[in-house]
C-alpha atoms as a PDB file:
ATOM      1  CA  MET A   1     106.733  79.931 131.386  1.00  0.00           C
ATOM      2  CA  SER A   2     107.367  80.671 127.654  1.00  0.00           C
ATOM      3  CA  GLY A   3     103.776  81.086 126.544  1.00  0.00           C
ATOM      4  CA  SER A   4     102.650  83.489 129.233  1.00  0.00           C
ATOM      5  CA  GLU A   5     100.514  86.471 128.301  1.00  0.00           C
ATOM      6  CA  GLU A   6     102.853  88.885 129.866  1.00  0.00           C
ATOM      7  CA  GLN A   7     105.690  87.559 127.520  1.00  0.00           C
ATOM      8  CA  TRP A   8     103.143  87.576 124.532  1.00  0.00           C
ATOM      9  CA  SER A   9     102.297  91.370 125.525  1.00  0.00           C
ATOM     10  CA  LYS A  10     106.142  92.005 125.726  1.00  0.00           C
ATOM     11  CA  PHE A  11     106.729  90.376 122.363  1.00  0.00           C
ATOM     12  CA  ARG A  12     103.870  92.355 120.437  1.00  0.00           C
ATOM     13  CA  ARG A  13     104.956  95.597 121.990  1.00  0.00           C
ATOM     14  CA  ILE A  14     108.786  94.964 120.803  1.00  0.00           C
ATOM     15  CA  ARG A  15     107.125  93.903 117.393  1.00  0.00           C
ATOM     16  CA  ASN A  16     105.261  96.960 117.082  1.00  0.00           C
ATOM     17  CA  ASP A  17     108.070  99.175 118.096  1.00  0.00           C
ATOM     18  CA  THR A  18     110.375  97.743 115.707  1.00  0.00           C
ATOM     19  CA  ILE A  19     108.020  98.038 112.713  1.00  0.00           C
ATOM     20  CA  ARG A  20     107.172 101.549 113.646  1.00  0.00           C
ATOM     21  CA  SER A  21     110.810 102.176 113.649  1.00  0.00           C
ATOM     22  CA  ILE A  22     111.460 100.780 110.127  1.00  0.00           C
ATOM     23  CA  LYS A  23     108.559 102.808 108.912  1.00  0.00           C
ATOM     24  CA  GLN A  24     110.085 106.143 110.276  1.00  0.00           C
ATOM     25  CA  ALA A  25     113.482 105.308 109.067  1.00  0.00           C
ATOM     26  CA  LYS A  26     112.402 104.576 105.571  1.00  0.00           C
ATOM     27  CA  ALA A  27     110.198 107.878 105.407  1.00  0.00           C
ATOM     28  CA  THR A  28     113.206 110.012 106.618  1.00  0.00           C
ATOM     29  CA  TYR A  29     115.486 107.995 103.874  1.00  0.00           C
ATOM     30  CA  TYR A  30     112.977 109.130 101.177  1.00  0.00           C
ATOM     31  CA  LEU A  31     112.431 112.493 102.521  1.00  0.00           C
ATOM     32  CA  ASN A  32     116.290 113.125 102.367  1.00  0.00           C
ATOM     33  CA  LEU A  33     116.382 111.703  98.844  1.00  0.00           C
ATOM     34  CA  ALA A  34     113.617 114.309  97.887  1.00  0.00           C
ATOM     35  CA  ASP A  35     115.434 117.096  99.458  1.00  0.00           C
ATOM     36  CA  LYS A  36     118.472 116.313  97.617  1.00  0.00           C
ATOM     37  CA  LEU A  37     116.755 116.171  94.427  1.00  0.00           C
ATOM     38  CA  LYS A  38     114.944 119.689  95.160  1.00  0.00           C
ATOM     39  CA  THR A  39     118.544 121.392  96.233  1.00  0.00           C
ATOM     40  CA  GLY A  40     119.646 121.792  92.548  1.00  0.00           C
ATOM     41  CA  THR A  41     123.417 121.256  93.684  1.00  0.00           C
ATOM     42  CA  SER A  42     124.034 117.903  92.474  1.00  0.00           C
ATOM     43  CA  SER A  43     125.735 117.032  89.153  1.00  0.00           C
ATOM     44  CA  SER A  44     123.633 115.405  86.352  1.00  0.00           C
ATOM     45  CA  LYS A  45     124.963 111.848  87.080  1.00  0.00           C
ATOM     46  CA  ASP A  46     124.346 112.437  90.965  1.00  0.00           C
ATOM     47  CA  TRP A  47     120.898 113.775  90.471  1.00  0.00           C
ATOM     48  CA  TRP A  48     119.739 110.508  88.291  1.00  0.00           C
ATOM     49  CA  LYS A  49     121.728 108.344  90.786  1.00  0.00           C
ATOM     50  CA  THR A  50     119.444 109.693  93.641  1.00  0.00           C
ATOM     51  CA  LEU A  51     116.113 109.590  91.322  1.00  0.00           C
ATOM     52  CA  LYS A  52     116.834 105.864  90.557  1.00  0.00           C
ATOM     53  CA  PRO A  53     115.422 104.534  93.864  1.00  0.00           C
ATOM     54  CA  PHE A  54     112.043 106.354  92.967  1.00  0.00           C
ATOM     55  CA  ILE A  55     111.562 105.049  89.745  1.00  0.00           C
ATOM     56  CA  THR A  56     113.146 101.453  89.510  1.00  0.00           C
ATOM     57  CA  LYS A  57     110.553  98.724  89.283  1.00  0.00           C
ATOM     58  CA  ASP A  58     110.470  95.392  91.001  1.00  0.00           C
ATOM     59  CA  SER A  59     111.294  92.618  88.767  1.00  0.00           C
ATOM     60  CA  SER A  60     110.975  89.681  91.211  1.00  0.00           C
ATOM     61  CA  VAL A  61     108.866  86.867  89.927  1.00  0.00           C
ATOM     62  CA  SER A  62     106.543  84.807  92.503  1.00  0.00           C
ATOM     63  CA  ILE A  63     104.022  83.324  90.259  1.00  0.00           C
ATOM     64  CA  PRO A  64     104.871  79.373  89.974  1.00  0.00           C
ATOM     65  CA  PRO A  65     104.029  77.355  86.766  1.00  0.00           C
ATOM     66  CA  LEU A  66     100.223  77.603  85.951  1.00  0.00           C
ATOM     67  CA  ILE A  67      97.913  75.261  84.743  1.00  0.00           C
ATOM     68  CA  ASP A  68      96.118  75.935  81.376  1.00  0.00           C
ATOM     69  CA  PRO A  69      92.515  75.876  82.180  1.00  0.00           C
ATOM     70  CA  PHE A  70      91.865  75.235  78.441  1.00  0.00           C
ATOM     71  CA  THR A  71      94.180  72.206  78.121  1.00  0.00           C
ATOM     72  CA  ASN A  72      94.756  71.235  81.682  1.00  0.00           C
ATOM     73  CA  THR A  73      98.455  71.315  81.147  1.00  0.00           C
ATOM     74  CA  PRO A  74     101.129  72.988  82.783  1.00  0.00           C
ATOM     75  CA  THR A  75     103.336  75.872  81.729  1.00  0.00           C
ATOM     76  CA  THR A  76     106.888  76.266  81.915  1.00  0.00           C
ATOM     77  CA  ASN A  77     108.445  78.586  84.405  1.00  0.00           C
ATOM     78  CA  ASP A  78     108.746  81.304  81.457  1.00  0.00           C
ATOM     79  CA  ALA A  79     107.351  84.672  82.568  1.00  0.00           C
ATOM     80  CA  ALA A  80     106.066  85.325  79.131  1.00  0.00           C
ATOM     81  CA  GLU A  81     104.374  82.020  78.891  1.00  0.00           C
ATOM     82  CA  LYS A  82     102.617  82.749  82.311  1.00  0.00           C
ATOM     83  CA  ALA A  83     101.568  86.015  81.253  1.00  0.00           C
ATOM     84  CA  ASP A  84     100.059  85.125  78.056  1.00  0.00           C
ATOM     85  CA  LEU A  85      97.945  82.527  79.828  1.00  0.00           C
ATOM     86  CA  LEU A  86      97.027  85.136  82.652  1.00  0.00           C
ATOM     87  CA  ASN A  87      96.268  87.633  79.912  1.00  0.00           C
ATOM     88  CA  THR A  88      93.973  85.475  77.837  1.00  0.00           C
ATOM     89  CA  TYR A  89      91.940  84.361  80.656  1.00  0.00           C
ATOM     90  CA  PHE A  90      91.490  87.756  82.120  1.00  0.00           C
ATOM     91  CA  ALA A  91      90.598  88.750  78.931  1.00  0.00           C
ATOM     92  CA  ILE A  92      87.782  86.216  78.541  1.00  0.00           C
ATOM     93  CA  GLN A  93      86.572  87.229  82.313  1.00  0.00           C
ATOM     94  CA  THR A  94      86.160  90.810  81.237  1.00  0.00           C
ATOM     95  CA  ARG A  95      84.161  90.763  77.914  1.00  0.00           C
ATOM     96  CA  LEU A  96      81.029  92.819  77.726  1.00  0.00           C
ATOM     97  CA  ASP A  97      78.117  92.668  75.713  1.00  0.00           C
ATOM     98  CA  ASP A  98      78.152  95.792  74.316  1.00  0.00           C
ATOM     99  CA  GLU A  99      75.505  95.307  71.480  1.00  0.00           C
ATOM    100  CA  THR A 100      72.458  95.676  73.723  1.00  0.00           C
ATOM    101  CA  PRO A 101      73.800  97.329  76.851  1.00  0.00           C
ATOM    102  CA  PRO A 102      71.127  98.344  79.571  1.00  0.00           C
ATOM    103  CA  TYR A 103      71.366 102.007  79.384  1.00  0.00           C
ATOM    104  CA  PRO A 104      69.358 103.828  82.137  1.00  0.00           C
ATOM    105  CA  THR A 105      66.906 106.095  81.577  1.00  0.00           C
ATOM    106  CA  ILE A 106      68.101 109.704  81.731  1.00  0.00           C
ATOM    107  CA  PRO A 107      65.502 112.152  82.990  1.00  0.00           C
ATOM    108  CA  PRO A 108      64.720 115.628  80.823  1.00  0.00           C
ATOM    109  CA  ILE A 109      67.676 118.017  81.066  1.00  0.00           C
ATOM    110  CA  GLU A 110      66.861 121.458  82.436  1.00  0.00           C
ATOM    111  CA  ARG A 111      70.408 123.032  82.826  1.00  0.00           C
ATOM    112  CA  GLN A 112      73.626 123.076  80.650  1.00  0.00           C
ATOM    113  CA  LEU A 113      76.983 122.081  82.049  1.00  0.00           C
ATOM    114  CA  SER A 114      79.275 125.039  81.573  1.00  0.00           C
ATOM    115  CA  PRO A 115      82.696 124.466  79.879  1.00  0.00           C
ATOM    116  CA  VAL A 116      85.229 123.327  82.803  1.00  0.00           C
ATOM    117  CA  THR A 117      88.625 124.854  83.004  1.00  0.00           C
ATOM    118  CA  LEU A 118      91.254 123.985  85.524  1.00  0.00           C
ATOM    119  CA  ILE A 119      93.555 126.332  87.010  1.00  0.00           C
ATOM    120  CA  PRO A 120      97.080 125.627  88.254  1.00  0.00           C
ATOM    121  CA  LYS A 121      96.383 126.068  91.902  1.00  0.00           C
ATOM    122  CA  GLU A 122      93.474 122.973  91.791  1.00  0.00           C
ATOM    123  CA  VAL A 123      95.970 120.616  90.057  1.00  0.00           C
ATOM    124  CA  GLU A 124      98.719 121.828  92.976  1.00  0.00           C
ATOM    125  CA  ASP A 125      96.044 120.896  95.466  1.00  0.00           C
ATOM    126  CA  VAL A 126      95.706 117.341  94.036  1.00  0.00           C
ATOM    127  CA  LEU A 127      99.390 116.873  93.573  1.00  0.00           C
ATOM    128  CA  ARG A 128     100.019 117.957  97.385  1.00  0.00           C
ATOM    129  CA  ASN A 129      97.859 115.230  98.479  1.00  0.00           C
ATOM    130  CA  LEU A 130      99.074 112.376  96.602  1.00  0.00           C
ATOM    131  CA  GLN A 131      99.607 109.212  98.354  1.00  0.00           C
ATOM    132  CA  ILE A 132     103.410 108.218  97.664  1.00  0.00           C
ATOM    133  CA  ASP A 133     102.878 104.605  98.449  1.00  0.00           C
ATOM    134  CA  LYS A 134     100.846 104.031  95.391  1.00  0.00           C
ATOM    135  CA  ALA A 135     102.364 102.005  92.276  1.00  0.00           C
ATOM    136  CA  SER A 136     103.268 103.947  89.137  1.00  0.00           C
ATOM    137  CA  GLY A 137     101.800 103.016  85.615  1.00  0.00           C
ATOM    138  CA  PRO A 138     103.335 102.275  82.420  1.00  0.00           C
ATOM    139  CA  ASP A 139     104.926 105.617  82.093  1.00  0.00           C
ATOM    140  CA  GLY A 140     106.953 105.178  85.225  1.00  0.00           C
ATOM    141  CA  ILE A 141     106.014 108.491  87.024  1.00  0.00           C
ATOM    142  CA  SER A 142     105.228 107.939  90.303  1.00  0.00           C
ATOM    143  CA  ASN A 143     103.190 109.894  92.866  1.00  0.00           C
ATOM    144  CA  ARG A 144     106.460 110.794  94.905  1.00  0.00           C
ATOM    145  CA  ILE A 145     107.847 112.628  91.868  1.00  0.00           C
ATOM    146  CA  LEU A 146     104.568 114.480  91.159  1.00  0.00           C
ATOM    147  CA  ARG A 147     104.145 115.435  94.930  1.00  0.00           C
ATOM    148  CA  GLU A 148     107.604 116.358  95.606  1.00  0.00           C
ATOM    149  CA  ALA A 149     107.678 118.903  92.564  1.00  0.00           C
ATOM    150  CA  SER A 150     103.929 120.112  92.869  1.00  0.00           C
ATOM    151  CA  GLN A 151     104.375 123.574  92.336  1.00  0.00           C
ATOM    152  CA  GLN A 152     106.600 123.054  89.386  1.00  0.00           C
ATOM    153  CA  HIS A 153     104.281 120.550  87.978  1.00  0.00           C
ATOM    154  CA  SER A 154     100.973 122.266  88.381  1.00  0.00           C
ATOM    155  CA  GLY A 155     101.337 124.668  85.547  1.00  0.00           C
ATOM    156  CA  PRO A 156     102.422 122.291  82.646  1.00  0.00           C
ATOM    157  CA  LEU A 157      99.933 119.673  83.824  1.00  0.00           C
ATOM    158  CA  CYS A 158      97.145 122.197  83.880  1.00  0.00           C
ATOM    159  CA  SER A 159      97.820 123.274  80.515  1.00  0.00           C
ATOM    160  CA  LEU A 160      97.844 119.533  79.199  1.00  0.00           C
ATOM    161  CA  PHE A 161      94.517 118.839  81.263  1.00  0.00           C
ATOM    162  CA  ASN A 162      92.610 121.839  79.929  1.00  0.00           C
ATOM    163  CA  TYR A 163      93.724 120.899  76.290  1.00  0.00           C
ATOM    164  CA  SER A 164      92.403 117.436  76.915  1.00  0.00           C
ATOM    165  CA  LEU A 165      89.275 118.977  78.045  1.00  0.00           C
ATOM    166  CA  HIS A 166      88.884 121.616  75.297  1.00  0.00           C
ATOM    167  CA  SER A 167      89.521 119.057  72.412  1.00  0.00           C
ATOM    168  CA  ALA A 168      87.858 116.220  73.813  1.00  0.00           C
ATOM    169  CA  ASN A 169      90.996 114.166  73.392  1.00  0.00           C
ATOM    170  CA  VAL A 170      92.466 111.903  75.902  1.00  0.00           C
ATOM    171  CA  PRO A 171      96.245 110.975  75.321  1.00  0.00           C
ATOM    172  CA  LEU A 172      96.449 107.027  74.196  1.00  0.00           C
ATOM    173  CA  SER A 173      99.428 106.711  76.833  1.00  0.00           C
ATOM    174  CA  TRP A 174      96.818 107.297  79.735  1.00  0.00           C
ATOM    175  CA  LYS A 175      94.460 104.321  78.543  1.00  0.00           C
ATOM    176  CA  ASP A 176      97.653 101.766  78.775  1.00  0.00           C
ATOM    177  CA  ALA A 177      97.916 100.048  81.852  1.00  0.00           C
ATOM    178  CA  ASN A 178     100.422  97.554  83.625  1.00  0.00           C
ATOM    179  CA  VAL A 179      98.117  94.530  84.602  1.00  0.00           C
ATOM    180  CA  CYS A 180      99.239  92.494  87.563  1.00  0.00           C
ATOM    181  CA  ALA A 181      97.968  89.301  88.542  1.00  0.00           C
ATOM    182  CA  LEU A 182      96.952  89.394  92.487  1.00  0.00           C
ATOM    183  CA  PHE A 183      96.566  86.052  93.939  1.00  0.00           C
ATOM    184  CA  LYS A 184      93.638  85.646  95.846  1.00  0.00           C
ATOM    185  CA  LYS A 185      93.487  82.216  97.493  1.00  0.00           C
ATOM    186  CA  GLY A 186      93.695  78.574  97.106  1.00  0.00           C
ATOM    187  CA  ASP A 187      95.793  76.730  94.410  1.00  0.00           C
ATOM    188  CA  SER A 188      98.484  79.207  93.252  1.00  0.00           C
ATOM    189  CA  SER A 189      98.810  77.282  89.979  1.00  0.00           C
ATOM    190  CA  ILE A 190      95.221  77.872  88.903  1.00  0.00           C
ATOM    191  CA  PRO A 191      94.635  81.253  86.793  1.00  0.00           C
ATOM    192  CA  ASN A 192      91.202  81.340  88.288  1.00  0.00           C
ATOM    193  CA  ASN A 193      92.465  82.104  91.783  1.00  0.00           C
ATOM    194  CA  TYR A 194      94.149  85.286  90.542  1.00  0.00           C
ATOM    195  CA  ARG A 195      92.646  88.826  89.921  1.00  0.00           C
ATOM    196  CA  PRO A 196      94.088  91.635  87.671  1.00  0.00           C
ATOM    197  CA  ILE A 197      94.995  94.821  89.059  1.00  0.00           C
ATOM    198  CA  SER A 198      95.543  97.679  86.432  1.00  0.00           C
ATOM    199  CA  LEU A 199      98.193 100.203  87.211  1.00  0.00           C
ATOM    200  CA  LEU A 200      97.174 103.344  85.328  1.00  0.00           C
ATOM    201  CA  SER A 201      99.103 106.553  84.958  1.00  0.00           C
ATOM    202  CA  CYS A 202      99.515 108.689  88.017  1.00  0.00           C
ATOM    203  CA  VAL A 203      99.076 111.511  85.751  1.00  0.00           C
ATOM    204  CA  GLU A 204      95.883 110.527  84.497  1.00  0.00           C
ATOM    205  CA  LYS A 205      94.398 110.016  87.888  1.00  0.00           C
ATOM    206  CA  VAL A 206      95.481 113.294  88.893  1.00  0.00           C
ATOM    207  CA  PHE A 207      93.459 114.378  86.177  1.00  0.00           C
ATOM    208  CA  GLU A 208      90.510 112.578  87.282  1.00  0.00           C
ATOM    209  CA  LYS A 209      90.877 113.797  90.980  1.00  0.00           C
ATOM    210  CA  ALA A 210      90.775 117.677  89.912  1.00  0.00           C
ATOM    211  CA  LEU A 211      87.763 116.903  87.626  1.00  0.00           C
ATOM    212  CA  PHE A 212      86.016 114.948  90.449  1.00  0.00           C
ATOM    213  CA  LYS A 213      86.436 117.944  92.723  1.00  0.00           C
ATOM    214  CA  ILE A 214      84.766 120.181  90.147  1.00  0.00           C
ATOM    215  CA  PHE A 215      82.004 117.864  89.271  1.00  0.00           C
ATOM    216  CA  THR A 216      81.132 117.649  93.006  1.00  0.00           C
ATOM    217  CA  THR A 217      80.845 121.399  93.330  1.00  0.00           C
ATOM    218  CA  ILE A 218      78.712 121.485  90.125  1.00  0.00           C
ATOM    219  CA  PHE A 219      76.427 118.947  91.353  1.00  0.00           C
ATOM    220  CA  ILE A 220      75.911 120.919  94.630  1.00  0.00           C
ATOM    221  CA  THR A 221      75.523 124.494  93.468  1.00  0.00           C
ATOM    222  CA  GLN A 222      74.232 124.023  89.785  1.00  0.00           C
ATOM    223  CA  PHE A 223      71.886 120.861  89.786  1.00  0.00           C
ATOM    224  CA  SER A 224      69.056 120.460  91.853  1.00  0.00           C
ATOM    225  CA  HIS A 225      68.025 116.955  90.296  1.00  0.00           C
ATOM    226  CA  SER A 226      67.718 114.341  92.971  1.00  0.00           C
ATOM    227  CA  CYS A 227      70.444 112.587  90.969  1.00  0.00           C
ATOM    228  CA  ALA A 228      73.043 114.991  92.536  1.00  0.00           C
ATOM    229  CA  VAL A 229      72.102 113.782  96.054  1.00  0.00           C
ATOM    230  CA  TRP A 230      72.149 110.395  95.173  1.00  0.00           C
ATOM    231  CA  PHE A 231      75.702 110.566  93.622  1.00  0.00           C
ATOM    232  CA  LEU A 232      77.180 112.348  96.535  1.00  0.00           C
ATOM    233  CA  THR A 233      75.875 109.834  99.221  1.00  0.00           C
ATOM    234  CA  ARG A 234      76.841 106.834  97.446  1.00  0.00           C
ATOM    235  CA  PRO A 235      80.314 105.099  97.405  1.00  0.00           C
ATOM    236  CA  PHE A 236      82.641 106.291  94.797  1.00  0.00           C
ATOM    237  CA  HIS A 237      83.229 103.515  92.346  1.00  0.00           C
ATOM    238  CA  CYS A 238      82.299 102.909  88.760  1.00  0.00           C
ATOM    239  CA  GLN A 239      78.851 101.628  88.773  1.00  0.00           C
ATOM    240  CA  SER A 240      77.521 104.493  91.486  1.00  0.00           C
ATOM    241  CA  VAL A 241      78.969 107.173  88.936  1.00  0.00           C
ATOM    242  CA  ASP A 242      77.431 105.780  85.807  1.00  0.00           C
ATOM    243  CA  LEU A 243      74.136 107.256  85.926  1.00  0.00           C
ATOM    244  CA  PRO A 244      75.367 110.889  86.989  1.00  0.00           C
ATOM    245  CA  LEU A 245      78.251 110.989  84.425  1.00  0.00           C
ATOM    246  CA  GLN A 246      75.606 110.065  81.594  1.00  0.00           C
ATOM    247  CA  TYR A 247      73.437 112.804  82.984  1.00  0.00           C
ATOM    248  CA  LEU A 248      76.403 115.219  82.891  1.00  0.00           C
ATOM    249  CA  LEU A 249      77.393 114.494  79.443  1.00  0.00           C
ATOM    250  CA  GLN A 250      73.921 114.744  77.936  1.00  0.00           C
ATOM    251  CA  SER A 251      73.404 118.188  79.798  1.00  0.00           C
ATOM    252  CA  SER A 252      76.806 119.626  78.326  1.00  0.00           C
ATOM    253  CA  ARG A 253      75.702 118.802  74.539  1.00  0.00           C
END
């Protein structure tokens, strides 16, 4: 019988084996490319040809013509027109009232935060554990490139991170993001059915991860305030770190 449980079980097993084989083949392919990049025996032309699959962006367009929520008229299939419409809509949804923000009450500061300085080994540890399937930001530097040459990148990146820390300046390029419209559900021609995903610089996220490790250690070893315990037991997202980070900033002054 074509719809029997035995045949469905066989189908699922074959399907899973096929998917697993495809994933393994892709992983082997990229590992071979990475090894070829690290050998240093290729010519300049061959080296860049090998690097291209790592940094080439997908230019496919899957968003259909959209309905302008302000005029109720459809857009053309022009990518720039659709991008402008989504950008306007997303910008309206994310406007915040910063005139009278609800600042939390910060308890009295009893301890001062010592200056933070990263070392290359700390940066290298973060680089070695990057997830290579994450998308890159506007600079086009992917996690794969950073991880495959983690030892070579750790020194220069550590110097850059420490300069940013000690000068209290963040490179402007780290504040840029590629905003992608992710379809949720419903009618794909309505902007309200999309949510924005910001693809930030992978280098900037390495900086954040390295600092997060240091701040976690500081909370555990130097601060006895209950805020530290609260911070470490909460899910890591923007709202949960708002109060602890303000506590850190005030204590470092």
